[in-house]
Amino acid sequence: MKPVRVLYVSGGSLDRGGIASWMLGYASHFDRELVAVDFLVHGMEEGPREDEALSLGAKVYHVPYRRNDPAGNRRGIRDAILNGYDVVHAHMDGMNAYPLSIAKACGVRACVSHSHNTEFLTGNPIRRAAHMLARSRIPAVATDLLACSEAAGRFLYGDALFKAGRVRVIKNAIDARRFRFDPQERRRIRAALGLDGRFVVGHIGRFDLMQKNQLFLLDAFNSAKAARPELALVLVGDGPDRGRIENAVRALGLERDVVLTGFREDVPALLSGFDLFVLPSRFEGLGIVLVEAQASGLACAASSAVPRDTLISRCDYLPLEWDAWADAMIRAGMDEARAFPEGEIASLGYDIGAAAHELSDFYREIAKR
């Protein structure tokens, strides 16, 4: 029996972001003899996680960005799809209609749109208008509508399609055991970052102020530190707004209290080193890092804009007001136990083994059409 061949279409590269993590996480847990996933990415340079895809036996197709080479982009997508895929699964949010319309024209019967967010990741009014127009075309070209949360589904497809049962929620599942609290790693990380004796507030996310809101976090942290001097803040990640964040740290005089680590591969160890995890995003499709933090037994604070689907065991959802966030950092206590909520993770659908099995069955079902 031949495997079902699935092409994941990403709007960027195989980077360290959430969408790439979702694609690689699920692809690595499929039985490739049943479901074989390949990847189509935008940009001609190799992404930092492309080796992971190749190690699975997957192909990675590169196409130029549409804004740079419209004809080359369309040709590249079409040529990749014509290599014999049963399912084309688009992960470009508002722009999903574009690759799916090509897939439909190529005769692919299973054209899947996936919503990973609750806002468009652009502040440019022209690009935003283009995304809104493209979003309206998705129901005409997609055979199946997926989303990482109810909020993400309603955002991309509208309330009517969600109420009609057209949208299927597929959780951003994780290999939870990787994130179990490790006291040895905790000691190693805190020593390496110079944080022994500090109460460590941690944040992990792309340095993109429009979404992740790190300047707000710095202001709230600065206010909290005046009342609780032992506080330290660790910001894990990188991105286009790193310079603005570094400038704000200097302007607030927090150079000794804020650590910027850059991108890190050892996220489970970092989570073990934290005492409180914070996610002050202005919007999130889900916020999988919040699930990972709770798997590590961490107390968490997230903005009220983050979907409540992320609640596993220990998370407060706060309005984006400085005093609320400062108070949360001041009041947070040390927890030496750090229980692993394995049962809750499984019952809520966040276990990657079970979730990948369900998605594999879905692909095999829709490929029969």
Protein backbone atom coordinates (compact mmCIF):
# COMPACT_ATOMS: atom_id res chain seq x y z
CA MET A 1 0.00 0.00 0.00
CA LYS A 2 1.36 3.40 -1.00
CA PRO A 3 1.46 6.13 1.66
CA VAL A 4 -0.78 9.16 1.45
CA ARG A 5 1.44 11.96 0.14
CA VAL A 6 0.92 15.31 1.86
CA LEU A 7 2.50 18.64 0.90
CA TYR A 8 2.77 21.23 3.65
CA VAL A 9 2.90 24.78 2.23
CA SER A 10 4.47 27.40 4.48
CA GLY A 11 4.57 31.15 3.96
CA GLY A 12 8.16 31.31 5.19
CA SER A 13 11.10 29.03 5.85
CA LEU A 14 11.49 26.10 8.22
CA ASP A 15 12.53 28.40 11.04
CA ARG A 16 12.12 28.22 14.81
CA GLY A 17 8.64 29.73 14.78
CA GLY A 18 5.39 28.16 15.83
CA ILE A 19 4.10 27.11 12.39
CA ALA A 20 7.35 25.36 11.45
CA SER A 21 7.32 23.66 14.86
CA TRP A 22 3.76 22.45 14.25
CA MET A 23 4.60 21.05 10.81
CA LEU A 24 7.81 19.34 11.90
CA GLY A 25 6.28 18.07 15.14
CA TYR A 26 3.43 16.29 13.41
CA ALA A 27 5.51 15.10 10.44
CA SER A 28 8.04 13.49 12.79
CA HIS A 29 5.30 11.49 14.53
CA PHE A 30 3.63 10.06 11.42
CA ASP A 31 4.43 6.56 10.19
CA ARG A 32 5.94 7.57 6.85
CA GLU A 33 4.75 4.31 5.31
CA LEU A 34 1.20 5.55 5.93
CA VAL A 35 1.53 9.35 5.62
CA ALA A 36 4.55 10.91 3.90
CA VAL A 37 4.86 14.67 4.37
CA ASP A 38 6.99 16.96 2.21
CA PHE A 39 7.45 20.72 2.59
CA LEU A 40 7.14 23.73 0.30
CA VAL A 41 8.73 26.86 1.76
CA HIS A 42 9.12 30.45 0.63
CA GLY A 43 12.59 31.93 0.16
CA MET A 44 15.54 30.32 -1.56
CA GLU A 45 17.81 30.11 1.49
CA GLU A 46 17.87 27.05 3.72
CA GLY A 47 15.95 27.52 6.96
CA PRO A 48 17.55 26.73 10.33
CA ARG A 49 15.38 23.62 10.80
CA GLU A 50 15.47 22.29 7.26
CA ASP A 51 17.84 19.49 8.27
CA GLU A 52 15.10 18.14 10.56
CA ALA A 53 12.75 17.77 7.61
CA LEU A 54 15.42 16.09 5.47
CA SER A 55 16.26 13.68 8.31
CA LEU A 56 12.65 12.44 8.15
CA GLY A 57 13.13 11.53 4.49
CA ALA A 58 11.06 14.51 3.37
CA LYS A 59 11.62 16.69 0.32
CA VAL A 60 11.83 20.45 0.75
CA TYR A 61 10.83 22.63 -2.21
CA HIS A 62 11.91 26.28 -2.28
CA VAL A 63 9.93 28.91 -4.19
CA PRO A 64 10.58 32.67 -4.44
CA TYR A 65 8.29 35.03 -2.57
CA ARG A 66 5.32 36.06 -4.66
CA ARG A 67 6.01 39.78 -4.14
CA ASN A 68 9.51 39.32 -5.65
CA ASP A 69 8.73 36.93 -8.50
CA PRO A 70 5.00 36.26 -9.05
CA ALA A 71 5.50 34.03 -12.10
CA GLY A 72 8.32 32.06 -10.49
CA ASN A 73 6.31 31.62 -7.31
CA ARG A 74 3.28 30.24 -9.13
CA ARG A 75 5.41 28.02 -11.34
CA GLY A 76 7.33 26.64 -8.37
CA ILE A 77 4.15 25.84 -6.41
CA ARG A 78 2.55 24.20 -9.43
CA ASP A 79 5.62 22.12 -10.27
CA ALA A 80 5.87 20.86 -6.68
CA ILE A 81 2.18 19.93 -6.50
CA LEU A 82 2.41 18.03 -9.80
CA ASN A 83 4.86 15.62 -8.17
CA GLY A 84 1.86 13.56 -7.13
CA TYR A 85 0.37 14.77 -3.83
CA ASP A 86 -2.91 13.45 -2.48
CA VAL A 87 -3.30 16.30 0.02
CA VAL A 88 -2.08 19.90 -0.10
CA HIS A 89 -2.19 21.47 3.36
CA ALA A 90 -1.63 25.26 3.44
CA HIS A 91 -0.25 27.00 6.55
CA MET A 92 -0.27 30.60 5.26
CA ASP A 93 -3.36 31.84 7.14
CA GLY A 94 -5.04 34.57 5.06
CA MET A 95 -3.06 33.66 1.96
CA ASN A 96 -4.02 29.96 2.03
CA ALA A 97 -6.35 30.47 -0.92
CA TYR A 98 -3.46 31.12 -3.30
CA PRO A 99 -1.62 27.76 -3.12
CA LEU A 100 -4.91 25.90 -2.69
CA SER A 101 -6.34 27.43 -5.87
CA ILE A 102 -3.26 26.12 -7.71
CA ALA A 103 -3.71 22.71 -6.09
CA LYS A 104 -7.36 22.63 -7.10
CA ALA A 105 -6.47 23.53 -10.71
CA CYS A 106 -3.90 20.69 -10.67
CA GLY A 107 -6.62 18.20 -9.76
CA VAL A 108 -5.80 17.70 -6.07
CA ARG A 109 -9.00 16.56 -4.37
CA ALA A 110 -8.00 17.28 -0.76
CA CYS A 111 -7.08 20.97 -0.33
CA VAL A 112 -6.69 21.85 3.36
CA SER A 113 -6.58 25.35 4.84
CA HIS A 114 -5.14 25.79 8.33
CA SER A 115 -5.58 28.83 10.58
CA HIS A 116 -2.74 29.40 13.04
CA ASN A 117 -3.57 32.90 14.23
CA THR A 118 -6.21 35.41 15.30
CA GLU A 119 -4.75 38.40 13.45
CA PHE A 120 -2.83 39.07 10.26
CA LEU A 121 0.90 39.30 10.88
CA THR A 122 1.32 42.62 9.13
CA GLY A 123 0.79 46.25 10.01
CA ASN A 124 1.02 47.34 6.37
CA PRO A 125 -2.49 48.47 5.31
CA ILE A 126 -2.00 47.35 1.70
CA ARG A 127 -0.83 43.87 2.69
CA ARG A 128 -3.58 43.67 5.28
CA ALA A 129 -6.19 44.44 2.61
CA ALA A 130 -4.65 41.76 0.38
CA HIS A 131 -4.88 39.22 3.22
CA MET A 132 -8.52 40.12 3.86
CA LEU A 133 -9.39 39.70 0.20
CA ALA A 134 -7.54 36.39 0.00
CA ARG A 135 -9.24 35.17 3.18
CA SER A 136 -12.65 35.59 1.56
CA ARG A 137 -11.64 33.15 -1.20
CA ILE A 138 -10.63 30.28 1.08
CA PRO A 139 -14.05 28.54 1.31
CA ALA A 140 -14.25 28.39 -2.49
CA VAL A 141 -10.97 26.51 -2.94
CA ALA A 142 -10.49 24.57 0.30
CA THR A 143 -12.15 21.21 0.78
CA ASP A 144 -11.33 21.15 4.51
CA LEU A 145 -10.91 23.91 7.08
CA LEU A 146 -8.64 23.40 10.09
CA ALA A 147 -7.62 25.69 12.96
CA CYS A 148 -5.41 25.48 16.03
CA SER A 149 -8.19 26.88 18.25
CA GLU A 150 -11.79 28.01 18.08
CA ALA A 151 -10.67 31.66 18.09
CA ALA A 152 -8.30 31.04 15.17
CA GLY A 153 -11.03 29.24 13.26
CA ARG A 154 -13.56 32.02 13.73
CA PHE A 155 -10.99 34.63 12.73
CA LEU A 156 -10.02 33.08 9.39
CA TYR A 157 -13.29 31.45 8.32
CA GLY A 158 -16.01 33.42 10.11
CA ASP A 159 -18.63 32.53 12.68
CA ALA A 160 -21.09 31.06 10.17
CA LEU A 161 -18.75 28.32 8.92
CA PHE A 162 -17.64 27.55 12.46
CA LYS A 163 -21.23 27.25 13.68
CA ALA A 164 -22.04 25.05 10.67
CA GLY A 165 -19.41 22.55 11.79
CA ARG A 166 -17.16 23.16 8.76
CA VAL A 167 -14.08 23.92 10.88
CA ARG A 168 -12.09 21.19 12.59
CA VAL A 169 -9.81 22.14 15.51
CA ILE A 170 -6.44 20.37 15.48
CA LYS A 171 -4.49 21.05 18.65
CA ASN A 172 -0.89 22.27 18.61
CA ALA A 173 0.16 19.10 20.38
CA ILE A 174 3.56 18.51 22.00
CA ASP A 175 5.84 15.71 23.12
CA ALA A 176 5.05 16.58 26.72
CA ARG A 177 7.68 14.36 28.36
CA ARG A 178 10.44 16.50 26.79
CA PHE A 179 9.27 19.40 28.97
CA ARG A 180 9.09 17.59 32.32
CA PHE A 181 10.81 19.61 35.04
CA ASP A 182 14.46 18.63 35.51
CA PRO A 183 16.17 19.96 38.68
CA GLN A 184 19.66 19.27 37.32
CA GLU A 185 18.96 21.28 34.17
CA ARG A 186 17.49 24.00 36.35
CA ARG A 187 20.75 24.35 38.27
CA ARG A 188 22.82 24.26 35.07
CA ILE A 189 20.76 26.90 33.26
CA ARG A 190 20.60 29.31 36.19
CA ALA A 191 24.35 29.06 36.78
CA ALA A 192 25.10 29.54 33.07
CA LEU A 193 22.90 32.66 32.89
CA GLY A 194 24.17 34.08 36.19
CA LEU A 195 20.75 33.81 37.86
CA ASP A 196 21.46 31.90 41.07
CA GLY A 197 19.43 33.35 43.91
CA ARG A 198 17.08 35.25 41.58
CA PHE A 199 13.35 34.76 41.01
CA VAL A 200 13.34 34.25 37.25
CA VAL A 201 10.50 35.45 35.02
CA GLY A 202 10.80 33.86 31.58
CA HIS A 203 9.40 34.69 28.15
CA ILE A 204 9.91 32.81 24.88
CA GLY A 205 8.81 34.31 21.58
CA ARG A 206 9.80 35.98 18.37
CA PHE A 207 11.00 39.56 18.87
CA ASP A 208 8.01 41.03 17.04
CA LEU A 209 6.50 43.84 19.09
CA MET A 210 3.28 44.01 17.09
CA GLN A 211 2.31 40.55 18.33
CA LYS A 212 4.54 39.49 21.22
CA ASN A 213 4.52 42.84 23.05
CA GLN A 214 7.91 42.65 24.81
CA LEU A 215 8.14 46.41 25.46
CA PHE A 216 4.99 46.21 27.56
CA LEU A 217 6.55 43.31 29.45
CA LEU A 218 9.72 45.31 30.13
CA ASP A 219 7.74 48.22 31.56
CA ALA A 220 5.70 45.91 33.80
CA PHE A 221 8.84 44.10 34.92
CA ASN A 222 10.56 47.40 35.72
CA SER A 223 7.63 48.38 37.92
CA ALA A 224 7.60 44.99 39.68
CA LYS A 225 11.34 45.05 40.31
CA ALA A 226 11.03 48.22 42.36
CA ALA A 227 9.00 46.20 44.87
CA ARG A 228 10.84 42.88 44.44
CA PRO A 229 14.57 43.44 43.75
CA GLU A 230 15.42 39.74 43.32
CA LEU A 231 13.42 39.55 40.08
CA ALA A 232 15.24 38.75 36.83
CA LEU A 233 13.76 38.55 33.34
CA VAL A 234 14.93 36.16 30.60
CA LEU A 235 13.81 36.89 27.03
CA VAL A 236 14.38 33.93 24.70
CA GLY A 237 14.18 34.47 20.95
CA ASP A 238 15.18 36.86 18.23
CA GLY A 239 13.56 38.78 15.43
CA PRO A 240 13.21 42.12 13.66
CA ASP A 241 12.59 44.16 16.82
CA ARG A 242 15.58 42.96 18.84
CA GLY A 243 17.28 46.36 18.54
CA ARG A 244 14.27 48.18 19.98
CA ILE A 245 14.11 45.73 22.88
CA GLU A 246 17.83 46.13 23.63
CA ASN A 247 17.43 49.93 23.57
CA ALA A 248 14.53 49.73 26.01
CA VAL A 249 16.54 47.53 28.40
CA ARG A 250 19.32 50.15 28.41
CA ALA A 251 16.90 53.08 28.74
CA LEU A 252 15.30 51.47 31.81
CA GLY A 253 18.69 50.64 33.35
CA LEU A 254 17.91 46.91 33.44
CA GLU A 255 21.13 45.54 31.92
CA ARG A 256 21.89 43.51 35.09
CA ASP A 257 18.37 42.19 35.41
CA VAL A 258 17.33 41.26 31.86
CA VAL A 259 19.01 38.46 29.88
CA LEU A 260 18.47 38.18 26.11
CA THR A 261 19.53 34.67 25.09
CA GLY A 262 18.78 34.74 21.35
CA PHE A 263 17.30 31.63 19.75
CA ARG A 264 17.89 28.51 21.81
CA GLU A 265 17.46 24.82 21.09
CA ASP A 266 17.24 23.85 24.79
CA VAL A 267 13.77 25.22 25.55
CA PRO A 268 12.85 22.39 27.99
CA ALA A 269 15.96 23.16 30.05
CA LEU A 270 15.23 26.90 30.00
CA LEU A 271 11.69 26.29 31.22
CA SER A 272 13.11 24.23 34.09
CA GLY A 273 15.22 27.25 34.99
CA PHE A 274 12.29 29.68 35.16
CA ASP A 275 10.03 30.38 38.14
CA LEU A 276 7.21 32.13 36.27
CA PHE A 277 6.40 32.12 32.56
CA VAL A 278 4.80 35.15 30.90
CA LEU A 279 3.16 35.63 27.50
CA PRO A 280 1.80 39.20 27.08
CA SER A 281 0.85 38.81 23.40
CA ARG A 282 -1.58 41.16 21.73
CA PHE A 283 -2.95 38.16 19.81
CA GLU A 284 -2.22 34.43 19.43
CA GLY A 285 -3.76 31.64 17.40
CA LEU A 286 -3.05 29.43 20.38
CA GLY A 287 0.33 30.03 22.06
CA ILE A 288 1.85 26.55 22.17
CA VAL A 289 4.77 27.74 24.30
CA LEU A 290 2.24 28.30 27.07
CA VAL A 291 1.30 24.61 26.93
CA GLU A 292 5.00 23.69 27.02
CA ALA A 293 5.55 25.92 30.06
CA GLN A 294 2.68 24.29 31.95
CA ALA A 295 4.03 20.85 31.02
CA SER A 296 7.17 21.96 32.90
CA GLY A 297 5.01 22.62 35.95
CA LEU A 298 5.44 26.39 35.72
CA ALA A 299 2.98 28.95 36.96
CA CYS A 300 2.08 31.13 33.97
CA ALA A 301 0.58 34.53 33.18
CA ALA A 302 -0.83 35.22 29.72
CA SER A 303 -2.71 38.11 28.23
CA SER A 304 -6.48 37.89 27.96
CA ALA A 305 -5.98 37.89 24.16
CA VAL A 306 -4.48 34.37 24.34
CA PRO A 307 -7.10 31.64 23.76
CA ARG A 308 -8.25 29.84 26.92
CA ASP A 309 -7.64 26.57 25.04
CA THR A 310 -4.10 26.88 26.45
CA LEU A 311 -5.22 26.37 30.05
CA ILE A 312 -3.73 23.08 31.23
CA SER A 313 -3.15 23.48 34.94
CA ARG A 314 -1.64 26.80 36.11
CA CYS A 315 -2.26 29.94 34.09
CA ASP A 316 -3.78 33.33 34.87
CA TYR A 317 -5.13 35.38 31.96
CA LEU A 318 -4.58 39.09 32.57
CA PRO A 319 -5.66 42.31 30.87
CA LEU A 320 -2.85 44.22 29.19
CA GLU A 321 -2.46 46.69 32.04
CA TRP A 322 0.96 47.29 33.63
CA ASP A 323 -0.25 47.13 37.23
CA ALA A 324 -1.90 43.71 36.73
CA TRP A 325 1.29 42.25 35.26
CA ALA A 326 3.57 43.89 37.80
CA ASP A 327 1.37 42.57 40.60
CA ALA A 328 1.50 39.04 39.14
CA MET A 329 5.32 39.16 39.17
CA ILE A 330 5.41 40.56 42.69
CA ARG A 331 3.00 37.96 44.11
CA ALA A 332 4.35 34.89 42.28
CA GLY A 333 5.74 32.28 44.65
CA MET A 334 8.45 29.66 44.34
CA ASP A 335 7.23 26.13 43.65
CA GLU A 336 9.75 23.39 44.34
CA ALA A 337 7.41 20.53 43.39
CA ARG A 338 6.78 21.40 39.71
CA ALA A 339 4.22 18.63 39.09
CA PHE A 340 4.00 17.16 35.57
CA PRO A 341 0.34 17.44 34.38
CA GLU A 342 0.49 14.40 32.09
CA GLY A 343 -3.18 13.46 32.56
CA GLU A 344 -4.44 16.95 31.79
CA ILE A 345 -2.27 17.24 28.68
CA ALA A 346 -3.58 13.94 27.33
CA SER A 347 -7.24 14.61 28.18
CA LEU A 348 -7.15 18.03 26.51
CA GLY A 349 -5.72 16.64 23.27
CA TYR A 350 -2.20 18.04 23.54
CA ASP A 351 -0.33 14.72 23.47
CA ILE A 352 1.46 14.58 20.11
CA GLY A 353 1.30 10.78 19.83
CA ALA A 354 -2.49 10.63 19.98
CA ALA A 355 -2.98 13.86 18.01
CA ALA A 356 -0.68 12.69 15.18
CA HIS A 357 -2.55 9.40 14.96
CA GLU A 358 -5.84 11.31 14.63
CA LEU A 359 -4.45 13.63 11.95
CA SER A 360 -2.93 10.68 10.06
CA ASP A 361 -6.35 9.03 9.96
CA PHE A 362 -7.85 12.31 8.71
CA TYR A 363 -5.38 12.52 5.83
CA ARG A 364 -5.99 8.92 4.84
CA GLU A 365 -9.75 9.52 4.91
CA ILE A 366 -9.77 12.68 2.78
CA ALA A 367 -7.26 11.23 0.30
CA LYS A 368 -9.88 8.62 -0.71
CA ARG A 369 -12.25 11.20 -2.18
